[in-house]
Amino acid sequence: MFRGKILLIDRYDSMNTLISGYLTASGFEVMSLGGADKLTDHHLSTVHLILLDIDTAGDSLSAVLSRINAAGVPAIVLTSQNDSIGRLTALEMGAADAMSRPLDMAELTARVRAAQSKTLLSSPFANRPPVSFGGLTADITTYRATLDGEPVNAAPRQIALLYLFISSPDRVFTREELSRQLGSDSICADKTVNVHVSQLKKALGRYSGNIVTVRGVGYKFSGEEPDRPQP
């Protein structure tokens, strides 16, 4: 199950191996860089999130985060255990989140998903790669989606919702969050989101049941692959 591309910038090979292994097992595609000076525009246009070690960034932290923020990519800064000043500094410089070592990998994965979902649609990204789940693929740069290779008949905002759902399976989104991502008027947020979700479900064939209503909260996309209909 693909959940997005992550770029890990950390000079410590052992940490790269540990984090990459865990996130890969959780469904992410992980690339590693040994230095912040190796960050290119291609990286910034093709990844969903960046994990940045504060020591690896060094004195370039502000400049690196400025580039990352300008590209609309969320960044989580990793610091040493007692570096509370570093964590605060990173957040003030625009990092989406900051975590200290030793890392709890389950918590890191949860924070990655949360940071992704907050900025995935609202940020001024350039070329975000498509995301897939089983036979579904959603491309936010072209606002197109396919089901088993065939186009999904859905409006752009519904494709945007699908992209968000596929990128964060099993995460519960409030209607307010979804409305904010879609840029809807807050006065009619619930109604607008409900209509778009309903129409999207009708377009998803066997995957319609993957969009689950969480009563009183919002919606989530189930990470379980549905059974294919028998011929």
Protein backbone atom coordinates (compact mmCIF):
# COMPACT_ATOMS: atom_id res chain seq x y z
CA MET A 1 0.00 0.00 0.00
CA PHE A 2 1.64 3.24 -1.15
CA ARG A 3 1.24 6.15 1.25
CA GLY A 4 3.60 8.70 -0.24
CA LYS A 5 7.23 9.60 -0.86
CA ILE A 6 9.41 10.73 2.03
CA LEU A 7 12.87 12.27 1.82
CA LEU A 8 15.06 11.63 4.86
CA ILE A 9 18.00 14.02 5.27
CA ASP A 10 20.29 12.60 7.95
CA ARG A 11 24.06 12.16 7.98
CA TYR A 12 23.85 9.13 10.24
CA ASP A 13 23.64 5.97 8.13
CA SER A 14 22.38 3.83 11.01
CA MET A 15 19.48 6.21 11.64
CA ASN A 16 18.68 6.33 7.93
CA THR A 17 18.50 2.55 7.84
CA LEU A 18 16.27 2.33 10.94
CA ILE A 19 13.80 5.02 9.90
CA SER A 20 13.73 3.97 6.25
CA GLY A 21 13.06 0.36 7.15
CA TYR A 22 10.16 1.16 9.44
CA LEU A 23 8.50 3.69 7.13
CA THR A 24 8.94 1.42 4.11
CA ALA A 25 7.25 -1.39 6.02
CA SER A 26 4.42 1.06 6.77
CA GLY A 27 3.83 1.65 3.06
CA PHE A 28 5.92 4.74 2.35
CA GLU A 29 8.61 5.13 -0.30
CA VAL A 30 11.72 6.54 1.38
CA MET A 31 14.73 8.25 -0.17
CA SER A 32 17.79 9.27 1.84
CA LEU A 33 20.30 12.10 1.60
CA GLY A 34 23.45 12.39 3.71
CA GLY A 35 23.50 16.19 3.61
CA ALA A 36 21.12 19.15 3.28
CA ASP A 37 23.38 20.61 0.58
CA LYS A 38 22.33 17.72 -1.68
CA LEU A 39 18.65 18.77 -1.65
CA THR A 40 17.54 19.59 -5.20
CA ASP A 41 14.48 21.16 -6.79
CA HIS A 42 13.65 17.72 -8.19
CA HIS A 43 13.40 16.36 -4.65
CA LEU A 44 11.16 19.24 -3.64
CA SER A 45 8.78 18.65 -6.55
CA THR A 46 8.46 14.88 -6.15
CA VAL A 47 8.17 14.14 -2.42
CA HIS A 48 5.25 14.42 -0.03
CA LEU A 49 7.23 15.10 3.14
CA ILE A 50 10.80 15.69 4.37
CA LEU A 51 12.39 14.41 7.58
CA LEU A 52 15.31 16.67 8.41
CA ASP A 53 17.94 16.00 11.07
CA ILE A 54 18.77 19.31 12.76
CA ASP A 55 22.45 18.47 13.19
CA THR A 56 22.75 17.53 9.52
CA ALA A 57 21.23 20.88 8.53
CA GLY A 58 23.52 22.74 10.96
CA ASP A 59 23.81 26.46 10.34
CA SER A 60 21.82 26.04 7.13
CA LEU A 61 18.60 25.09 8.98
CA SER A 62 16.86 28.39 8.27
CA ALA A 63 17.81 28.41 4.59
CA VAL A 64 16.86 24.76 4.11
CA LEU A 65 13.48 25.13 5.78
CA SER A 66 12.86 28.28 3.74
CA ARG A 67 13.38 26.30 0.51
CA ILE A 68 11.21 23.45 1.73
CA ASN A 69 8.40 25.78 2.82
CA ALA A 70 8.53 27.69 -0.48
CA ALA A 71 7.97 24.38 -2.28
CA GLY A 72 4.94 23.64 -0.11
CA VAL A 73 6.42 20.43 1.30
CA PRO A 74 5.85 19.73 5.02
CA ALA A 75 9.02 19.07 7.04
CA ILE A 76 9.49 17.29 10.35
CA VAL A 77 12.74 18.23 12.09
CA LEU A 78 14.49 15.58 14.20
CA THR A 79 16.53 16.78 17.18
CA SER A 80 18.55 15.31 20.02
CA GLN A 81 16.79 14.27 23.21
CA ASN A 82 17.43 17.41 25.25
CA ASP A 83 17.39 19.98 22.46
CA SER A 84 14.18 21.79 23.37
CA ILE A 85 15.57 25.03 21.98
CA GLY A 86 16.26 23.33 18.64
CA ARG A 87 12.70 22.01 18.46
CA LEU A 88 11.22 25.43 19.19
CA THR A 89 13.56 27.09 16.70
CA ALA A 90 12.59 24.63 13.98
CA LEU A 91 8.89 25.25 14.57
CA GLU A 92 9.42 29.02 14.53
CA MET A 93 11.24 28.64 11.22
CA GLY A 94 8.24 26.93 9.68
CA ALA A 95 8.73 23.21 10.29
CA ALA A 96 5.43 21.33 10.29
CA ASP A 97 6.53 19.38 13.37
CA ALA A 98 9.59 18.49 15.45
CA MET A 99 10.52 15.30 17.29
CA SER A 100 13.36 14.37 19.60
CA ARG A 101 15.38 11.18 19.72
CA PRO A 102 15.12 8.41 20.70
CA LEU A 103 12.27 8.14 18.22
CA ASP A 104 9.12 6.14 18.80
CA MET A 105 8.60 4.78 15.29
CA ALA A 106 4.85 4.36 15.65
CA GLU A 107 4.59 7.98 16.80
CA LEU A 108 6.83 9.14 13.96
CA THR A 109 4.58 7.38 11.44
CA ALA A 110 1.49 9.01 12.98
CA ARG A 111 3.12 12.44 12.86
CA VAL A 112 4.17 11.92 9.25
CA ARG A 113 0.58 11.13 8.28
CA ALA A 114 -0.75 14.11 10.23
CA ALA A 115 1.76 16.53 8.68
CA GLN A 116 0.99 15.18 5.20
CA SER A 117 -2.74 15.51 5.53
CA LYS A 118 -2.61 19.09 6.83
CA THR A 119 -0.74 20.41 3.82
CA LEU A 120 -1.36 17.89 1.07
CA LEU A 121 -3.98 19.89 -0.81
CA SER A 122 -3.71 23.41 0.57
CA SER A 123 -0.01 24.00 -0.10
CA PRO A 124 1.16 25.54 -3.40
CA PHE A 125 2.88 22.37 -4.56
CA ALA A 126 4.25 21.89 -8.05
CA ASN A 127 4.46 18.28 -9.15
CA ARG A 128 3.19 16.01 -6.41
CA PRO A 129 3.42 12.37 -7.53
CA PRO A 130 0.25 10.29 -7.90
CA VAL A 131 -0.82 8.01 -5.06
CA SER A 132 -2.34 4.55 -5.40
CA PHE A 133 -4.39 2.07 -3.43
CA GLY A 134 -5.12 -1.25 -5.07
CA GLY A 135 -6.74 -0.47 -8.40
CA LEU A 136 -7.22 3.21 -7.57
CA THR A 137 -4.80 5.98 -8.56
CA ALA A 138 -5.24 9.71 -7.95
CA ASP A 139 -3.11 12.45 -9.50
CA ILE A 140 -3.47 15.84 -7.84
CA THR A 141 -1.41 17.69 -10.46
CA THR A 142 -3.89 16.83 -13.21
CA TYR A 143 -6.97 16.23 -11.03
CA ARG A 144 -7.48 12.84 -12.62
CA ALA A 145 -8.11 9.45 -11.10
CA THR A 146 -8.34 5.96 -12.51
CA LEU A 147 -9.97 2.73 -11.36
CA ASP A 148 -8.34 -0.37 -12.83
CA GLY A 149 -6.86 1.87 -15.52
CA GLU A 150 -10.17 3.49 -16.49
CA PRO A 151 -10.93 7.19 -15.75
CA VAL A 152 -12.98 7.94 -12.66
CA ASN A 153 -15.85 10.30 -13.43
CA ALA A 154 -15.47 12.76 -10.56
CA ALA A 155 -15.12 16.52 -10.16
CA PRO A 156 -11.73 18.09 -9.32
CA ARG A 157 -12.61 18.61 -5.66
CA GLN A 158 -13.64 14.99 -5.39
CA ILE A 159 -10.33 13.90 -6.93
CA ALA A 160 -8.62 16.09 -4.35
CA LEU A 161 -10.53 14.31 -1.58
CA LEU A 162 -9.58 10.93 -3.02
CA TYR A 163 -5.92 11.96 -3.15
CA LEU A 164 -6.09 13.00 0.49
CA PHE A 165 -7.86 9.80 1.57
CA ILE A 166 -5.49 7.47 -0.26
CA SER A 167 -2.47 9.30 1.14
CA SER A 168 -3.64 8.75 4.73
CA PRO A 169 -5.60 5.48 4.93
CA ASP A 170 -7.47 4.82 8.19
CA ARG A 171 -6.92 8.40 9.39
CA VAL A 172 -10.13 10.09 10.50
CA PHE A 173 -10.64 13.54 8.96
CA THR A 174 -13.12 15.97 10.47
CA ARG A 175 -15.48 17.72 8.11
CA GLU A 176 -13.81 21.00 9.07
CA GLU A 177 -10.40 19.64 8.00
CA LEU A 178 -11.75 18.43 4.68
CA SER A 179 -13.56 21.69 4.07
CA ARG A 180 -10.40 23.67 4.80
CA GLN A 181 -8.42 21.52 2.37
CA LEU A 182 -11.04 22.09 -0.32
CA GLY A 183 -11.22 25.81 0.35
CA SER A 184 -14.95 25.72 1.05
CA ASP A 185 -16.97 28.38 2.84
CA SER A 186 -17.02 27.46 6.54
CA ILE A 187 -20.69 28.42 6.78
CA CYS A 188 -21.73 25.47 4.62
CA ALA A 189 -18.69 23.30 5.26
CA ASP A 190 -20.49 20.18 6.45
CA LYS A 191 -23.02 20.21 3.61
CA THR A 192 -20.36 20.82 0.94
CA VAL A 193 -18.10 18.03 2.22
CA ASN A 194 -21.01 15.61 2.56
CA VAL A 195 -22.10 16.24 -1.03
CA HIS A 196 -18.60 15.79 -2.45
CA VAL A 197 -18.01 12.61 -0.45
CA SER A 198 -21.35 11.18 -1.54
CA GLN A 199 -20.61 11.87 -5.20
CA LEU A 200 -17.11 10.48 -4.89
CA LYS A 201 -18.40 7.23 -3.40
CA LYS A 202 -20.74 6.78 -6.35
CA ALA A 203 -17.76 7.04 -8.72
CA LEU A 204 -15.51 4.54 -6.95
CA GLY A 205 -17.20 1.26 -7.79
CA ARG A 206 -16.03 -1.52 -5.48
CA TYR A 207 -14.03 1.00 -3.46
CA SER A 208 -17.08 3.03 -2.46
CA GLY A 209 -17.27 1.14 0.83
CA ASN A 210 -13.72 2.17 1.69
CA ILE A 211 -14.94 5.68 2.46
CA VAL A 212 -16.41 5.28 5.92
CA THR A 213 -18.51 7.80 7.82
CA VAL A 214 -17.33 8.39 11.38
CA ARG A 215 -20.49 9.56 13.09
CA GLY A 216 -20.26 13.01 14.60
CA VAL A 217 -16.72 13.56 13.30
CA GLY A 218 -16.17 13.08 9.57
CA TYR A 219 -14.77 10.42 7.27
CA LYS A 220 -11.90 8.00 6.82
CA PHE A 221 -10.63 5.78 4.01
CA SER A 222 -10.38 2.14 5.07
CA GLY A 223 -7.00 0.57 4.35
CA GLU A 224 -8.50 -2.85 3.64
CA GLU A 225 -8.61 -3.96 0.01
CA PRO A 226 -12.20 -4.87 -0.98
CA ASP A 227 -12.98 -8.18 -2.61
CA ARG A 228 -13.20 -8.11 -6.38
CA PRO A 229 -16.64 -8.95 -7.75
CA GLN A 230 -16.94 -12.45 -9.14
CA PRO A 231 -17.21 -12.65 -12.95
